[in-house]
């Protein structure tokens, strides 16, 4: 059964409204919540992450930290590293192996060359971007064929980029183990997300 991951982007919301949105996402039945807040420093991110982690724990949802590895270690959560971090993380070696005994690492796969590096340190490859999206305006989407190509790395594959309530089924048929929503998660209709979770479970 495929997983539904929602990217909770702090820049899209703020304060109590952001936390309420995360609660609503958990209530819809999604599987995983990724906290992303690129505009925060590590201290402020940690303070926010502790609150979000508690919400996820209350609803028994997997919680994932983006960008701040030390925070992921402190909170014993899964970690989603950025493309900019990939090169330096290749040298973490044994330390990452120890981390992965209790948590998963998600790493980017924007092309096969990057996927090859990510596959050496991560449990999940995040294939992006699959469909056209305003976040990557003017850039050619990778398409569904890219998901099939990543299968050779024998890792879980999560699809990201331009996914909505209509096209997500195509990514699952193509072989994705999970789907990621950001625009839909932050700005979309909760009814649509709930409909997707119900179709998955039903």
Protein backbone atom coordinates (compact mmCIF):
# COMPACT_ATOMS: atom_id res chain seq x y z
CA UNK A 1 0.00 0.00 0.00
CA UNK A 2 1.38 3.41 -0.96
CA UNK A 3 2.12 6.18 1.55
CA UNK A 4 0.88 9.76 1.51
CA UNK A 5 3.42 12.35 2.65
CA UNK A 6 2.45 15.98 3.16
CA UNK A 7 5.08 18.71 3.13
CA UNK A 8 4.20 21.24 5.82
CA UNK A 9 5.90 24.36 4.51
CA UNK A 10 6.14 26.99 7.25
CA UNK A 11 6.59 29.79 4.71
CA UNK A 12 3.06 29.08 3.46
CA UNK A 13 1.57 29.59 6.91
CA UNK A 14 2.48 31.08 10.25
CA UNK A 15 1.73 30.79 13.93
CA UNK A 16 -1.30 28.91 15.15
CA UNK A 17 -2.80 28.60 11.66
CA UNK A 18 0.17 26.50 10.59
CA UNK A 19 -0.17 24.13 13.52
CA UNK A 20 -3.91 23.84 12.97
CA UNK A 21 -3.28 22.95 9.35
CA UNK A 22 -0.97 20.14 10.44
CA UNK A 23 -3.61 18.85 12.83
CA UNK A 24 -6.17 18.86 10.02
CA UNK A 25 -3.77 16.97 7.74
CA UNK A 26 -3.26 14.34 10.43
CA UNK A 27 -7.00 13.99 10.85
CA UNK A 28 -7.49 13.32 7.12
CA UNK A 29 -5.48 10.13 7.47
CA UNK A 30 -2.21 11.01 5.71
CA UNK A 31 0.76 8.84 6.70
CA UNK A 32 3.71 11.20 7.02
CA UNK A 33 4.35 14.88 7.74
CA UNK A 34 7.53 16.63 6.64
CA UNK A 35 8.36 19.90 8.40
CA UNK A 36 10.06 22.40 6.11
CA UNK A 37 10.96 25.93 7.22
CA UNK A 38 13.92 27.17 5.21
CA UNK A 39 13.61 30.70 6.56
CA UNK A 40 14.17 29.71 10.19
CA UNK A 41 17.49 29.32 11.96
CA UNK A 42 18.19 26.00 13.67
CA UNK A 43 17.15 27.16 17.14
CA UNK A 44 13.77 28.46 16.01
CA UNK A 45 13.28 25.41 13.80
CA UNK A 46 13.93 23.12 16.76
CA UNK A 47 11.31 24.94 18.86
CA UNK A 48 8.75 24.55 16.07
CA UNK A 49 9.74 20.96 15.35
CA UNK A 50 9.15 19.88 18.94
CA UNK A 51 5.54 21.10 18.74
CA UNK A 52 4.92 19.52 15.33
CA UNK A 53 6.51 16.26 16.48
CA UNK A 54 4.09 16.13 19.40
CA UNK A 55 1.11 16.68 17.10
CA UNK A 56 2.29 13.85 14.85
CA UNK A 57 2.84 11.60 17.83
CA UNK A 58 -0.68 12.33 19.08
CA UNK A 59 -2.11 11.19 15.75
CA UNK A 60 0.46 8.40 15.27
CA UNK A 61 1.89 9.90 12.11
CA UNK A 62 5.48 9.62 10.94
CA UNK A 63 7.35 12.89 11.45
CA UNK A 64 10.21 13.95 9.17
CA UNK A 65 12.71 16.79 9.56
CA UNK A 66 13.91 18.70 6.51
CA UNK A 67 17.41 20.23 6.30
CA UNK A 68 18.41 20.27 10.01
CA UNK A 69 20.09 16.93 10.69
CA UNK A 70 21.03 17.74 14.30
CA UNK A 71 17.37 18.43 15.06
CA UNK A 72 16.41 15.09 13.54
CA UNK A 73 18.96 13.41 15.80
CA UNK A 74 17.68 15.21 18.90
CA UNK A 75 14.05 14.38 18.18
CA UNK A 76 14.84 10.89 16.87
CA UNK A 77 12.85 11.57 13.73
CA UNK A 78 13.37 10.64 10.11
CA UNK A 79 15.40 13.07 8.00
CA UNK A 80 14.93 14.54 4.51
CA UNK A 81 18.13 16.04 3.17
CA UNK A 82 18.33 18.73 0.51
CA UNK A 83 20.22 18.62 -2.77
CA UNK A 84 22.71 21.15 -1.39
CA UNK A 85 23.54 18.79 1.50
CA UNK A 86 24.00 15.67 -0.57
CA UNK A 87 27.70 16.08 -1.36
CA UNK A 88 28.73 16.64 2.26
CA UNK A 89 26.56 13.80 3.55
CA UNK A 90 28.43 11.32 1.39
CA UNK A 91 31.24 11.60 3.94
CA UNK A 92 29.12 10.85 7.02
CA UNK A 93 29.59 7.11 6.46
CA UNK A 94 29.38 5.09 9.66
CA UNK A 95 27.49 7.84 11.48
CA UNK A 96 24.67 7.69 8.95
CA UNK A 97 24.58 3.91 9.20
CA UNK A 98 24.06 4.29 12.94
CA UNK A 99 21.31 6.87 12.40
CA UNK A 100 19.52 4.58 9.95
CA UNK A 101 19.22 1.83 12.54
CA UNK A 102 16.33 3.74 14.10
CA UNK A 103 15.25 6.27 11.44
CA UNK A 104 14.95 6.67 7.68
CA UNK A 105 16.76 9.08 5.41
CA UNK A 106 14.98 10.60 2.41
CA UNK A 107 17.24 11.97 -0.34
CA UNK A 108 16.63 13.79 -3.62
CA UNK A 109 16.57 12.18 -7.05
CA UNK A 110 16.31 14.91 -9.67
CA UNK A 111 18.19 12.79 -12.21
CA UNK A 112 19.82 9.37 -12.36
CA UNK A 113 23.27 10.69 -11.47
CA UNK A 114 21.99 12.30 -8.29
CA UNK A 115 19.89 9.24 -7.52
CA UNK A 116 23.03 7.11 -7.68
CA UNK A 117 24.62 9.22 -4.92
CA UNK A 118 21.42 9.37 -2.85
CA UNK A 119 20.99 5.60 -3.04
CA UNK A 120 24.31 5.09 -1.22
CA UNK A 121 23.10 6.94 1.89
CA UNK A 122 19.31 6.98 1.85
CA UNK A 123 16.38 4.62 2.36
CA UNK A 124 13.96 6.64 0.22
CA UNK A 125 14.57 8.35 -3.11
CA UNK A 126 12.40 11.41 -3.71
CA UNK A 127 11.77 11.57 -7.46
CA UNK A 128 11.21 15.15 -8.56
CA UNK A 129 9.58 16.78 -10.30
CA UNK A 130 7.24 14.32 -11.93
CA UNK A 131 4.60 16.68 -13.32
CA UNK A 132 4.72 20.36 -14.27
CA UNK A 133 4.53 22.62 -11.23
CA UNK A 134 4.68 26.35 -10.55
CA UNK A 135 7.50 25.69 -8.07
CA UNK A 136 9.67 24.61 -11.03
CA UNK A 137 8.31 26.98 -13.66
CA UNK A 138 9.92 26.51 -17.06
CA UNK A 139 11.67 23.27 -16.13
CA UNK A 140 10.73 20.10 -18.00
CA UNK A 141 9.09 17.55 -15.65
CA UNK A 142 10.74 14.14 -15.37
CA UNK A 143 7.55 12.25 -16.08
CA UNK A 144 6.39 8.82 -15.04
CA UNK A 145 9.16 7.01 -16.91
CA UNK A 146 11.67 8.42 -14.42
CA UNK A 147 9.98 6.48 -11.59
CA UNK A 148 10.48 3.25 -13.51
CA UNK A 149 14.13 4.09 -14.11
CA UNK A 150 14.74 4.57 -10.37
CA UNK A 151 13.55 1.05 -9.62
CA UNK A 152 17.01 -0.29 -10.43
CA UNK A 153 18.35 1.25 -7.18
CA UNK A 154 16.13 -1.04 -5.08
CA UNK A 155 14.99 1.78 -2.78
CA UNK A 156 11.60 3.13 -1.80
CA UNK A 157 10.52 5.82 -4.24
CA UNK A 158 8.37 8.80 -3.33
CA UNK A 159 7.05 10.99 -6.15
CA UNK A 160 7.04 14.77 -5.77
CA UNK A 161 6.10 17.71 -7.95
CA UNK A 162 2.80 18.66 -9.53
CA UNK A 163 0.87 15.81 -7.94
CA UNK A 164 -2.82 16.39 -7.36
CA UNK A 165 -6.02 14.50 -6.65
CA UNK A 166 -6.26 13.43 -10.28
CA UNK A 167 -2.78 12.35 -11.39
CA UNK A 168 -1.46 10.71 -8.21
CA UNK A 169 -2.83 7.32 -9.28
CA UNK A 170 -0.58 7.35 -12.33
CA UNK A 171 2.54 7.60 -10.14
CA UNK A 172 1.45 4.59 -8.11
CA UNK A 173 0.88 2.57 -11.28
CA UNK A 174 4.35 3.61 -12.44
CA UNK A 175 5.86 2.07 -9.31
CA UNK A 176 6.05 4.81 -6.68
CA UNK A 177 5.81 3.65 -3.06
CA UNK A 178 4.63 7.03 -1.89
CA UNK A 179 3.28 10.37 -3.08
CA UNK A 180 4.12 13.84 -1.79
CA UNK A 181 1.78 16.80 -1.66
CA UNK A 182 2.83 20.35 -0.82
CA UNK A 183 0.53 22.83 -2.59
CA UNK A 184 -2.45 20.56 -2.02
CA UNK A 185 -1.43 20.02 1.61
CA UNK A 186 -0.93 23.69 2.41
CA UNK A 187 -3.53 25.38 0.23
CA UNK A 188 -5.83 22.67 -1.05
CA UNK A 189 -9.20 21.36 0.00
CA UNK A 190 -8.95 18.99 2.96
CA UNK A 191 -11.87 17.10 1.51
CA UNK A 192 -9.76 16.14 -1.50
CA UNK A 193 -6.94 14.86 0.69
CA UNK A 194 -9.38 12.86 2.79
CA UNK A 195 -10.85 11.37 -0.37
CA UNK A 196 -7.37 10.22 -1.44
CA UNK A 197 -6.63 8.64 1.94
CA UNK A 198 -9.97 6.87 1.95
CA UNK A 199 -9.38 5.48 -1.54
CA UNK A 200 -5.99 4.20 -0.40
CA UNK A 201 -7.40 2.46 2.63
CA UNK A 202 -10.56 1.28 0.97
